[in-house]
């Protein structure tokens, strides 16, 4: 249960670049993936830059959480992915297990 609190605290730090992320999500360019990272649904180089930056920061947070809790990075990412998808607003994209995208 401690890992859940750590993930929630780490997710709050994402608000620094939330405006760019939210705009990209609202425009259907970026969506949440099961691995806790964002993926490009459709877009250009700028969208890829945003996604890569967000994913780099998320991975840093996930690695720190895994280290502090003694959990594998894969488990942390999977749990974060579930939480991110649950919190995804209606109309935004989420990636399904088969790799396809759908609006929530």
PDB file of N, CA and C in Angstrom:
ATOM      1  N   UNK A   1       0.817  -1.186   0.000  1.00  0.00           N
ATOM      2  CA  UNK A   1       0.000   0.000   0.000  1.00  0.00           C
ATOM      3  C   UNK A   1       0.866   1.257   0.000  1.00  0.00           C
ATOM      4  N   UNK A   2       2.060   1.142   0.586  1.00  0.00           N
ATOM      5  CA  UNK A   2       2.965   2.285   0.621  1.00  0.00           C
ATOM      6  C   UNK A   2       3.347   2.726  -0.781  1.00  0.00           C
ATOM      7  N   UNK A   3       3.500   1.775  -1.683  1.00  0.00           N
ATOM      8  CA  UNK A   3       3.865   2.109  -3.072  1.00  0.00           C
ATOM      9  C   UNK A   3       2.811   2.975  -3.724  1.00  0.00           C
ATOM     10  N   UNK A   4       1.540   2.744  -3.358  1.00  0.00           N
ATOM     11  CA  UNK A   4       0.452   3.539  -3.929  1.00  0.00           C
ATOM     12  C   UNK A   4       0.588   5.004  -3.524  1.00  0.00           C
ATOM     13  N   UNK A   5       0.889   5.248  -2.269  1.00  0.00           N
ATOM     14  CA  UNK A   5       1.070   6.619  -1.800  1.00  0.00           C
ATOM     15  C   UNK A   5       2.254   7.282  -2.493  1.00  0.00           C
ATOM     16  N   UNK A   6       3.320   6.520  -2.676  1.00  0.00           N
ATOM     17  CA  UNK A   6       4.506   7.064  -3.336  1.00  0.00           C
ATOM     18  C   UNK A   6       4.193   7.416  -4.786  1.00  0.00           C
ATOM     19  N   UNK A   7       3.453   6.565  -5.470  1.00  0.00           N
ATOM     20  CA  UNK A   7       3.076   6.834  -6.860  1.00  0.00           C
ATOM     21  C   UNK A   7       2.201   8.080  -6.936  1.00  0.00           C
ATOM     22  N   UNK A   8       1.272   8.206  -6.017  1.00  0.00           N
ATOM     23  CA  UNK A   8       0.398   9.378  -6.035  1.00  0.00           C
ATOM     24  C   UNK A   8       1.179  10.661  -5.794  1.00  0.00           C
ATOM     25  N   UNK A   9       2.129  10.620  -4.872  1.00  0.00           N
ATOM     26  CA  UNK A   9       2.958  11.807  -4.617  1.00  0.00           C
ATOM     27  C   UNK A   9       3.795  12.121  -5.845  1.00  0.00           C
ATOM     28  N   UNK A  10       4.368  11.093  -6.462  1.00  0.00           N
ATOM     29  CA  UNK A  10       5.184  11.315  -7.657  1.00  0.00           C
ATOM     30  C   UNK A  10       4.355  11.886  -8.789  1.00  0.00           C
ATOM     31  N   UNK A  11       3.125  11.454  -8.897  1.00  0.00           N
ATOM     32  CA  UNK A  11       2.281  11.947  -9.988  1.00  0.00           C
ATOM     33  C   UNK A  11       1.968  13.426  -9.836  1.00  0.00           C
ATOM     34  N   UNK A  12       1.975  13.925  -8.623  1.00  0.00           N
ATOM     35  CA  UNK A  12       1.728  15.346  -8.411  1.00  0.00           C
ATOM     36  C   UNK A  12       2.831  16.197  -9.031  1.00  0.00           C
ATOM     37  N   UNK A  13       4.053  15.654  -9.082  1.00  0.00           N
ATOM     38  CA  UNK A  13       5.157  16.418  -9.662  1.00  0.00           C
ATOM     39  C   UNK A  13       4.994  16.570 -11.169  1.00  0.00           C
ATOM     40  N   UNK A  14       4.123  15.800 -11.794  1.00  0.00           N
ATOM     41  CA  UNK A  14       3.912  15.903 -13.236  1.00  0.00           C
ATOM     42  C   UNK A  14       3.145  17.162 -13.596  1.00  0.00           C
ATOM     43  N   UNK A  15       2.590  17.855 -12.615  1.00  0.00           N
ATOM     44  CA  UNK A  15       1.808  19.048 -12.910  1.00  0.00           C
ATOM     45  C   UNK A  15       2.655  20.154 -13.515  1.00  0.00           C
ATOM     46  N   UNK A  16       3.966  20.065 -13.378  1.00  0.00           N
ATOM     47  CA  UNK A  16       4.856  21.075 -13.957  1.00  0.00           C
ATOM     48  C   UNK A  16       4.648  21.173 -15.458  1.00  0.00           C
ATOM     49  N   UNK A  17       4.451  20.042 -16.115  1.00  0.00           N
ATOM     50  CA  UNK A  17       4.255  20.080 -17.554  1.00  0.00           C
ATOM     51  C   UNK A  17       2.864  19.587 -17.941  1.00  0.00           C
ATOM     52  N   UNK A  18       1.936  19.684 -17.005  1.00  0.00           N
ATOM     53  CA  UNK A  18       0.588  19.183 -17.235  1.00  0.00           C
ATOM     54  C   UNK A  18      -0.144  19.951 -18.325  1.00  0.00           C
ATOM     55  N   UNK A  19       0.114  21.242 -18.452  1.00  0.00           N
ATOM     56  CA  UNK A  19      -0.574  22.028 -19.469  1.00  0.00           C
ATOM     57  C   UNK A  19      -0.295  21.467 -20.856  1.00  0.00           C
ATOM     58  N   UNK A  20       0.951  21.206 -21.156  1.00  0.00           N
ATOM     59  CA  UNK A  20       1.291  20.629 -22.449  1.00  0.00           C
ATOM     60  C   UNK A  20       0.683  19.237 -22.601  1.00  0.00           C
ATOM     61  N   UNK A  21       0.769  18.447 -21.564  1.00  0.00           N
ATOM     62  CA  UNK A  21       0.208  17.102 -21.598  1.00  0.00           C
ATOM     63  C   UNK A  21      -1.302  17.166 -21.750  1.00  0.00           C
ATOM     64  N   UNK A  22      -1.958  18.011 -20.983  1.00  0.00           N
ATOM     65  CA  UNK A  22      -3.412  18.112 -21.064  1.00  0.00           C
ATOM     66  C   UNK A  22      -3.871  18.584 -22.435  1.00  0.00           C
ATOM     67  N   UNK A  23      -3.179  19.551 -22.985  1.00  0.00           N
ATOM     68  CA  UNK A  23      -3.533  20.027 -24.323  1.00  0.00           C
ATOM     69  C   UNK A  23      -3.392  18.906 -25.341  1.00  0.00           C
ATOM     70  N   UNK A  24      -2.313  18.158 -25.245  1.00  0.00           N
ATOM     71  CA  UNK A  24      -2.087  17.056 -26.185  1.00  0.00           C
ATOM     72  C   UNK A  24      -3.146  15.968 -26.012  1.00  0.00           C
ATOM     73  N   UNK A  25      -3.533  15.699 -24.769  1.00  0.00           N
ATOM     74  CA  UNK A  25      -4.576  14.704 -24.521  1.00  0.00           C
ATOM     75  C   UNK A  25      -5.925  15.193 -25.050  1.00  0.00           C
ATOM     76  N   UNK A  26      -6.245  16.457 -24.795  1.00  0.00           N
ATOM     77  CA  UNK A  26      -7.520  17.007 -25.242  1.00  0.00           C
ATOM     78  C   UNK A  26      -7.631  16.991 -26.763  1.00  0.00           C
ATOM     79  N   UNK A  27      -6.515  17.153 -27.440  1.00  0.00           N
ATOM     80  CA  UNK A  27      -6.510  17.148 -28.902  1.00  0.00           C
ATOM     81  C   UNK A  27      -6.406  15.740 -29.471  1.00  0.00           C
ATOM     82  N   UNK A  28      -6.334  14.719 -28.602  1.00  0.00           N
ATOM     83  CA  UNK A  28      -6.269  13.336 -29.061  1.00  0.00           C
ATOM     84  C   UNK A  28      -4.923  12.956 -29.641  1.00  0.00           C
ATOM     85  N   UNK A  29      -3.878  13.654 -29.243  1.00  0.00           N
ATOM     86  CA  UNK A  29      -2.540  13.386 -29.778  1.00  0.00           C
ATOM     87  C   UNK A  29      -1.763  12.395 -28.923  1.00  0.00           C
ATOM     88  N   UNK A  30      -2.001  12.417 -27.620  1.00  0.00           N
ATOM     89  CA  UNK A  30      -1.276  11.584 -26.661  1.00  0.00           C
ATOM     90  C   UNK A  30      -2.289  10.847 -25.805  1.00  0.00           C
ATOM     91  N   UNK A  31      -1.957   9.606 -25.448  1.00  0.00           N
ATOM     92  CA  UNK A  31      -2.826   8.824 -24.574  1.00  0.00           C
ATOM     93  C   UNK A  31      -2.009   8.071 -23.538  1.00  0.00           C
ATOM     94  N   UNK A  32      -2.699   7.542 -22.552  1.00  0.00           N
ATOM     95  CA  UNK A  32      -2.064   6.771 -21.483  1.00  0.00           C
ATOM     96  C   UNK A  32      -1.926   5.310 -21.896  1.00  0.00           C
ATOM     97  N   UNK A  33      -0.796   4.730 -21.517  1.00  0.00           N
ATOM     98  CA  UNK A  33      -0.509   3.326 -21.823  1.00  0.00           C
ATOM     99  C   UNK A  33      -0.518   2.497 -20.544  1.00  0.00           C
ATOM    100  N   UNK A  34      -0.644   1.200 -20.681  1.00  0.00           N
ATOM    101  CA  UNK A  34      -0.669   0.294 -19.535  1.00  0.00           C
ATOM    102  C   UNK A  34       0.653   0.261 -18.775  1.00  0.00           C
ATOM    103  N   UNK A  35       1.744   0.666 -19.421  1.00  0.00           N
ATOM    104  CA  UNK A  35       3.061   0.618 -18.786  1.00  0.00           C
ATOM    105  C   UNK A  35       3.396   1.888 -18.012  1.00  0.00           C
ATOM    106  N   UNK A  36       2.404   2.760 -17.795  1.00  0.00           N
ATOM    107  CA  UNK A  36       2.627   3.970 -17.022  1.00  0.00           C
ATOM    108  C   UNK A  36       3.216   5.121 -17.810  1.00  0.00           C
ATOM    109  N   UNK A  37       3.452   4.910 -19.069  1.00  0.00           N
ATOM    110  CA  UNK A  37       4.005   5.941 -19.932  1.00  0.00           C
ATOM    111  C   UNK A  37       2.909   6.466 -20.851  1.00  0.00           C
ATOM    112  N   UNK A  38       3.185   7.583 -21.506  1.00  0.00           N
ATOM    113  CA  UNK A  38       2.250   8.084 -22.498  1.00  0.00           C
ATOM    114  C   UNK A  38       2.728   7.635 -23.873  1.00  0.00           C
ATOM    115  N   UNK A  39       1.789   7.528 -24.780  1.00  0.00           N
ATOM    116  CA  UNK A  39       2.105   7.152 -26.149  1.00  0.00           C
ATOM    117  C   UNK A  39       1.500   8.148 -27.113  1.00  0.00           C
ATOM    118  N   UNK A  40       2.101   8.226 -28.272  1.00  0.00           N
ATOM    119  CA  UNK A  40       1.611   9.131 -29.309  1.00  0.00           C
ATOM    120  C   UNK A  40       0.520   8.416 -30.091  1.00  0.00           C
ATOM    121  N   UNK A  41      -0.676   8.975 -30.037  1.00  0.00           N
ATOM    122  CA  UNK A  41      -1.811   8.429 -30.782  1.00  0.00           C
ATOM    123  C   UNK A  41      -1.697   8.874 -32.233  1.00  0.00           C
ATOM    124  N   UNK A  42      -1.477  10.141 -32.421  1.00  0.00           N
ATOM    125  CA  UNK A  42      -1.207  10.711 -33.742  1.00  0.00           C
ATOM    126  C   UNK A  42      -0.484  12.023 -33.497  1.00  0.00           C
ATOM    127  N   UNK A  43       0.415  12.349 -34.354  1.00  0.00           N
ATOM    128  CA  UNK A  43       1.100  13.602 -34.105  1.00  0.00           C
ATOM    129  C   UNK A  43       2.336  13.807 -34.944  1.00  0.00           C
ATOM    130  N   UNK A  44       3.034  14.836 -34.560  1.00  0.00           N
ATOM    131  CA  UNK A  44       4.208  15.296 -35.279  1.00  0.00           C
ATOM    132  C   UNK A  44       5.431  15.179 -34.380  1.00  0.00           C
ATOM    133  N   UNK A  45       6.512  15.766 -34.841  1.00  0.00           N
ATOM    134  CA  UNK A  45       7.739  15.784 -34.060  1.00  0.00           C
ATOM    135  C   UNK A  45       7.569  16.453 -32.718  1.00  0.00           C
ATOM    136  N   UNK A  46       6.771  17.527 -32.683  1.00  0.00           N
ATOM    137  CA  UNK A  46       6.537  18.240 -31.423  1.00  0.00           C
ATOM    138  C   UNK A  46       5.826  17.346 -30.418  1.00  0.00           C
ATOM    139  N   UNK A  47       4.870  16.559 -30.877  1.00  0.00           N
ATOM    140  CA  UNK A  47       4.141  15.645 -29.997  1.00  0.00           C
ATOM    141  C   UNK A  47       5.092  14.578 -29.469  1.00  0.00           C
ATOM    142  N   UNK A  48       5.973  14.082 -30.326  1.00  0.00           N
ATOM    143  CA  UNK A  48       6.958  13.095 -29.889  1.00  0.00           C
ATOM    144  C   UNK A  48       7.888  13.664 -28.825  1.00  0.00           C
ATOM    145  N   UNK A  49       8.282  14.922 -28.987  1.00  0.00           N
ATOM    146  CA  UNK A  49       9.152  15.579 -28.005  1.00  0.00           C
ATOM    147  C   UNK A  49       8.448  15.661 -26.654  1.00  0.00           C
ATOM    148  N   UNK A  50       7.189  16.065 -26.661  1.00  0.00           N
ATOM    149  CA  UNK A  50       6.412  16.158 -25.419  1.00  0.00           C
ATOM    150  C   UNK A  50       6.308  14.785 -24.761  1.00  0.00           C
ATOM    151  N   UNK A  51       5.947  13.770 -25.538  1.00  0.00           N
ATOM    152  CA  UNK A  51       5.798  12.414 -25.000  1.00  0.00           C
ATOM    153  C   UNK A  51       7.124  11.903 -24.452  1.00  0.00           C
ATOM    154  N   UNK A  52       8.195  12.106 -25.169  1.00  0.00           N
ATOM    155  CA  UNK A  52       9.511  11.640 -24.709  1.00  0.00           C
ATOM    156  C   UNK A  52       9.926  12.325 -23.417  1.00  0.00           C
ATOM    157  N   UNK A  53       9.672  13.616 -23.313  1.00  0.00           N
ATOM    158  CA  UNK A  53      10.027  14.353 -22.098  1.00  0.00           C
ATOM    159  C   UNK A  53       9.214  13.856 -20.908  1.00  0.00           C
ATOM    160  N   UNK A  54       7.922  13.683 -21.097  1.00  0.00           N
ATOM    161  CA  UNK A  54       7.060  13.181 -20.025  1.00  0.00           C
ATOM    162  C   UNK A  54       7.501  11.788 -19.609  1.00  0.00           C
ATOM    163  N   UNK A  55       7.762  10.926 -20.595  1.00  0.00           N
ATOM    164  CA  UNK A  55       8.158   9.556 -20.287  1.00  0.00           C
ATOM    165  C   UNK A  55       9.503   9.489 -19.573  1.00  0.00           C
ATOM    166  N   UNK A  56      10.429  10.351 -19.946  1.00  0.00           N
ATOM    167  CA  UNK A  56      11.732  10.374 -19.282  1.00  0.00           C
ATOM    168  C   UNK A  56      11.542  10.724 -17.811  1.00  0.00           C
ATOM    169  N   UNK A  57      10.728  11.731 -17.533  1.00  0.00           N
ATOM    170  CA  UNK A  57      10.485  12.155 -16.157  1.00  0.00           C
ATOM    171  C   UNK A  57       9.707  11.098 -15.376  1.00  0.00           C
ATOM    172  N   UNK A  58       8.739  10.491 -16.019  1.00  0.00           N
ATOM    173  CA  UNK A  58       7.979   9.433 -15.342  1.00  0.00           C
ATOM    174  C   UNK A  58       8.889   8.257 -15.011  1.00  0.00           C
ATOM    175  N   UNK A  59       9.730   7.858 -15.955  1.00  0.00           N
ATOM    176  CA  UNK A  59      10.633   6.737 -15.693  1.00  0.00           C
ATOM    177  C   UNK A  59      11.579   7.035 -14.540  1.00  0.00           C
ATOM    178  N   UNK A  60      12.068   8.265 -14.450  1.00  0.00           N
ATOM    179  CA  UNK A  60      12.919   8.647 -13.320  1.00  0.00           C
ATOM    180  C   UNK A  60      12.149   8.466 -12.010  1.00  0.00           C
ATOM    181  N   UNK A  61      10.905   8.915 -11.979  1.00  0.00           N
ATOM    182  CA  UNK A  61      10.073   8.754 -10.776  1.00  0.00           C
ATOM    183  C   UNK A  61       9.825   7.281 -10.475  1.00  0.00           C
ATOM    184  N   UNK A  62       9.495   6.514 -11.488  1.00  0.00           N
ATOM    185  CA  UNK A  62       9.223   5.082 -11.288  1.00  0.00           C
ATOM    186  C   UNK A  62      10.461   4.350 -10.779  1.00  0.00           C
ATOM    187  N   UNK A  63      11.629   4.683 -11.317  1.00  0.00           N
ATOM    188  CA  UNK A  63      12.863   4.048 -10.861  1.00  0.00           C
ATOM    189  C   UNK A  63      13.125   4.368  -9.399  1.00  0.00           C
ATOM    190  N   UNK A  64      12.876   5.600  -9.007  1.00  0.00           N
ATOM    191  CA  UNK A  64      13.063   5.997  -7.607  1.00  0.00           C
ATOM    192  C   UNK A  64      12.076   5.263  -6.704  1.00  0.00           C
ATOM    193  N   UNK A  65      10.834   5.146  -7.143  1.00  0.00           N
ATOM    194  CA  UNK A  65       9.823   4.415  -6.368  1.00  0.00           C
ATOM    195  C   UNK A  65      10.225   2.953  -6.223  1.00  0.00           C
ATOM    196  N   UNK A  66      10.667   2.350  -7.302  1.00  0.00           N
ATOM    197  CA  UNK A  66      11.087   0.945  -7.267  1.00  0.00           C
ATOM    198  C   UNK A  66      12.253   0.768  -6.301  1.00  0.00           C
ATOM    199  N   UNK A  67      13.195   1.686  -6.345  1.00  0.00           N
ATOM    200  CA  UNK A  67      14.363   1.601  -5.462  1.00  0.00           C
ATOM    201  C   UNK A  67      13.933   1.731  -4.003  1.00  0.00           C
ATOM    202  N   UNK A  68      13.099   2.729  -3.700  1.00  0.00           N
ATOM    203  CA  UNK A  68      12.685   2.965  -2.315  1.00  0.00           C
ATOM    204  C   UNK A  68      11.819   1.851  -1.747  1.00  0.00           C
ATOM    205  N   UNK A  69      11.005   1.242  -2.595  1.00  0.00           N
ATOM    206  CA  UNK A  69      10.071   0.222  -2.098  1.00  0.00           C
ATOM    207  C   UNK A  69      10.572  -1.200  -2.281  1.00  0.00           C
ATOM    208  N   UNK A  70      11.699  -1.357  -2.954  1.00  0.00           N
ATOM    209  CA  UNK A  70      12.219  -2.697  -3.201  1.00  0.00           C
ATOM    210  C   UNK A  70      11.369  -3.481  -4.183  1.00  0.00           C
ATOM    211  N   UNK A  71      10.680  -2.770  -5.052  1.00  0.00           N
ATOM    212  CA  UNK A  71       9.798  -3.367  -6.048  1.00  0.00           C
ATOM    213  C   UNK A  71      10.460  -3.252  -7.409  1.00  0.00           C
ATOM    214  N   UNK A  72      10.128  -4.129  -8.315  1.00  0.00           N
ATOM    215  CA  UNK A  72      10.711  -4.039  -9.657  1.00  0.00           C
ATOM    216  C   UNK A  72      10.099  -2.859 -10.418  1.00  0.00           C
ATOM    217  N   UNK A  73      10.878  -2.335 -11.334  1.00  0.00           N
ATOM    218  CA  UNK A  73      10.416  -1.232 -12.173  1.00  0.00           C
ATOM    219  C   UNK A  73       9.174  -1.642 -12.956  1.00  0.00           C
ATOM    220  N   UNK A  74       9.136  -2.867 -13.426  1.00  0.00           N
ATOM    221  CA  UNK A  74       7.994  -3.360 -14.200  1.00  0.00           C
ATOM    222  C   UNK A  74       6.704  -3.315 -13.376  1.00  0.00           C
ATOM    223  N   UNK A  75       6.786  -3.709 -12.119  1.00  0.00           N
ATOM    224  CA  UNK A  75       5.606  -3.695 -11.250  1.00  0.00           C
ATOM    225  C   UNK A  75       5.155  -2.258 -10.992  1.00  0.00           C
ATOM    226  N   UNK A  76       6.104  -1.369 -10.721  1.00  0.00           N
ATOM    227  CA  UNK A  76       5.765   0.032 -10.480  1.00  0.00           C
ATOM    228  C   UNK A  76       5.098   0.625 -11.714  1.00  0.00           C
ATOM    229  N   UNK A  77       5.660   0.368 -12.889  1.00  0.00           N
ATOM    230  CA  UNK A  77       5.073   0.894 -14.126  1.00  0.00           C
ATOM    231  C   UNK A  77       3.673   0.346 -14.358  1.00  0.00           C
ATOM    232  N   UNK A  78       3.487  -0.923 -14.115  1.00  0.00           N
ATOM    233  CA  UNK A  78       2.175  -1.535 -14.316  1.00  0.00           C
ATOM    234  C   UNK A  78       1.134  -0.914 -13.387  1.00  0.00           C
ATOM    235  N   UNK A  79       1.488  -0.732 -12.137  1.00  0.00           N
ATOM    236  CA  UNK A  79       0.554  -0.138 -11.181  1.00  0.00           C
ATOM    237  C   UNK A  79       0.276   1.318 -11.525  1.00  0.00           C
ATOM    238  N   UNK A  80       1.308   2.050 -11.918  1.00  0.00           N
ATOM    239  CA  UNK A  80       1.121   3.452 -12.316  1.00  0.00           C
ATOM    240  C   UNK A  80       0.244   3.526 -13.555  1.00  0.00           C
ATOM    241  N   UNK A  81       0.446   2.608 -14.496  1.00  0.00           N
ATOM    242  CA  UNK A  81      -0.368   2.586 -15.705  1.00  0.00           C
ATOM    243  C   UNK A  81      -1.840   2.384 -15.388  1.00  0.00           C
ATOM    244  N   UNK A  82      -2.117   1.473 -14.478  1.00  0.00           N
ATOM    245  CA  UNK A  82      -3.500   1.238 -14.073  1.00  0.00           C
ATOM    246  C   UNK A  82      -4.111   2.496 -13.463  1.00  0.00           C
ATOM    247  N   UNK A  83      -3.356   3.136 -12.580  1.00  0.00           N
ATOM    248  CA  UNK A  83      -3.858   4.359 -11.936  1.00  0.00           C
ATOM    249  C   UNK A  83      -4.059   5.481 -12.956  1.00  0.00           C
ATOM    250  N   UNK A  84      -3.105   5.643 -13.856  1.00  0.00           N
ATOM    251  CA  UNK A  84      -3.217   6.704 -14.859  1.00  0.00           C
ATOM    252  C   UNK A  84      -4.426   6.486 -15.765  1.00  0.00           C
ATOM    253  N   UNK A  85      -4.657   5.251 -16.145  1.00  0.00           N
ATOM    254  CA  UNK A  85      -5.806   4.946 -17.004  1.00  0.00           C
ATOM    255  C   UNK A  85      -7.114   5.174 -16.249  1.00  0.00           C
ATOM    256  N   UNK A  86      -7.151   4.785 -14.977  1.00  0.00           N
ATOM    257  CA  UNK A  86      -8.356   5.023 -14.175  1.00  0.00           C
ATOM    258  C   UNK A  86      -8.656   6.514 -14.067  1.00  0.00           C
ATOM    259  N   UNK A  87      -7.605   7.326 -13.965  1.00  0.00           N
ATOM    260  CA  UNK A  87      -7.775   8.770 -13.803  1.00  0.00           C
ATOM    261  C   UNK A  87      -7.925   9.515 -15.125  1.00  0.00           C
ATOM    262  N   UNK A  88      -7.793   8.818 -16.230  1.00  0.00           N
ATOM    263  CA  UNK A  88      -7.916   9.470 -17.532  1.00  0.00           C
ATOM    264  C   UNK A  88      -9.344   9.980 -17.728  1.00  0.00           C
ATOM    265  N   UNK A  89      -9.444  11.206 -18.151  1.00  0.00           N
ATOM    266  CA  UNK A  89     -10.755  11.831 -18.365  1.00  0.00           C
ATOM    267  C   UNK A  89     -11.473  11.192 -19.546  1.00  0.00           C
ATOM    268  N   UNK A  90     -12.778  11.209 -19.489  1.00  0.00           N
ATOM    269  CA  UNK A  90     -13.578  10.723 -20.599  1.00  0.00           C
ATOM    270  C   UNK A  90     -13.251  11.489 -21.876  1.00  0.00           C
ATOM    271  N   UNK A  91     -13.179  10.778 -22.965  1.00  0.00           N
ATOM    272  CA  UNK A  91     -12.866  11.393 -24.250  1.00  0.00           C
ATOM    273  C   UNK A  91     -11.384  11.377 -24.588  1.00  0.00           C
ATOM    274  N   UNK A  92     -10.530  11.103 -23.584  1.00  0.00           N
ATOM    275  CA  UNK A  92      -9.098  11.011 -23.836  1.00  0.00           C
ATOM    276  C   UNK A  92      -8.751   9.568 -24.201  1.00  0.00           C
ATOM    277  N   UNK A  93      -7.619   9.393 -24.867  1.00  0.00           N
ATOM    278  CA  UNK A  93      -7.233   8.067 -25.339  1.00  0.00           C
ATOM    279  C   UNK A  93      -6.498   7.253 -24.285  1.00  0.00           C
ATOM    280  N   UNK A  94      -6.798   5.959 -24.297  1.00  0.00           N
ATOM    281  CA  UNK A  94      -6.053   4.970 -23.531  1.00  0.00           C
ATOM    282  C   UNK A  94      -5.680   3.843 -24.486  1.00  0.00           C
ATOM    283  N   UNK A  95      -4.558   3.203 -24.195  1.00  0.00           N
ATOM    284  CA  UNK A  95      -4.126   2.104 -25.050  1.00  0.00           C
ATOM    285  C   UNK A  95      -4.575   0.786 -24.442  1.00  0.00           C
ATOM    286  N   UNK A  96      -5.130  -0.056 -25.259  1.00  0.00           N
ATOM    287  CA  UNK A  96      -5.593  -1.381 -24.823  1.00  0.00           C
ATOM    288  C   UNK A  96      -4.435  -2.370 -24.846  1.00  0.00           C
ATOM    289  N   UNK A  97      -4.643  -3.531 -24.255  1.00  0.00           N
ATOM    290  CA  UNK A  97      -3.597  -4.547 -24.180  1.00  0.00           C
ATOM    291  C   UNK A  97      -3.096  -4.985 -25.553  1.00  0.00           C
ATOM    292  N   UNK A  98      -3.955  -4.911 -26.575  1.00  0.00           N
ATOM    293  CA  UNK A  98      -3.528  -5.316 -27.920  1.00  0.00           C
ATOM    294  C   UNK A  98      -2.784  -4.225 -28.666  1.00  0.00           C
ATOM    295  N   UNK A  99      -2.577  -3.071 -27.995  1.00  0.00           N
ATOM    296  CA  UNK A  99      -1.841  -1.963 -28.607  1.00  0.00           C
ATOM    297  C   UNK A  99      -2.695  -0.942 -29.325  1.00  0.00           C
ATOM    298  N   UNK A 100      -3.980  -1.229 -29.465  1.00  0.00           N
ATOM    299  CA  UNK A 100      -4.858  -0.274 -30.139  1.00  0.00           C
ATOM    300  C   UNK A 100      -5.268   0.839 -29.173  1.00  0.00           C
ATOM    301  N   UNK A 101      -5.685   1.958 -29.735  1.00  0.00           N
ATOM    302  CA  UNK A 101      -6.107   3.105 -28.950  1.00  0.00           C
ATOM    303  C   UNK A 101      -7.627   3.233 -29.005  1.00  0.00           C
ATOM    304  N   UNK A 102      -8.216   3.652 -27.883  1.00  0.00           N
ATOM    305  CA  UNK A 102      -9.640   3.963 -27.863  1.00  0.00           C
ATOM    306  C   UNK A 102      -9.878   5.108 -26.907  1.00  0.00           C
ATOM    307  N   UNK A 103     -10.950   5.833 -27.182  1.00  0.00           N
ATOM    308  CA  UNK A 103     -11.341   6.920 -26.271  1.00  0.00           C
ATOM    309  C   UNK A 103     -12.016   6.326 -25.056  1.00  0.00           C
ATOM    310  N   UNK A 104     -11.691   6.858 -23.920  1.00  0.00           N
ATOM    311  CA  UNK A 104     -12.288   6.374 -22.682  1.00  0.00           C
ATOM    312  C   UNK A 104     -13.697   6.944 -22.550  1.00  0.00           C
TER     313      UNK A 104
END
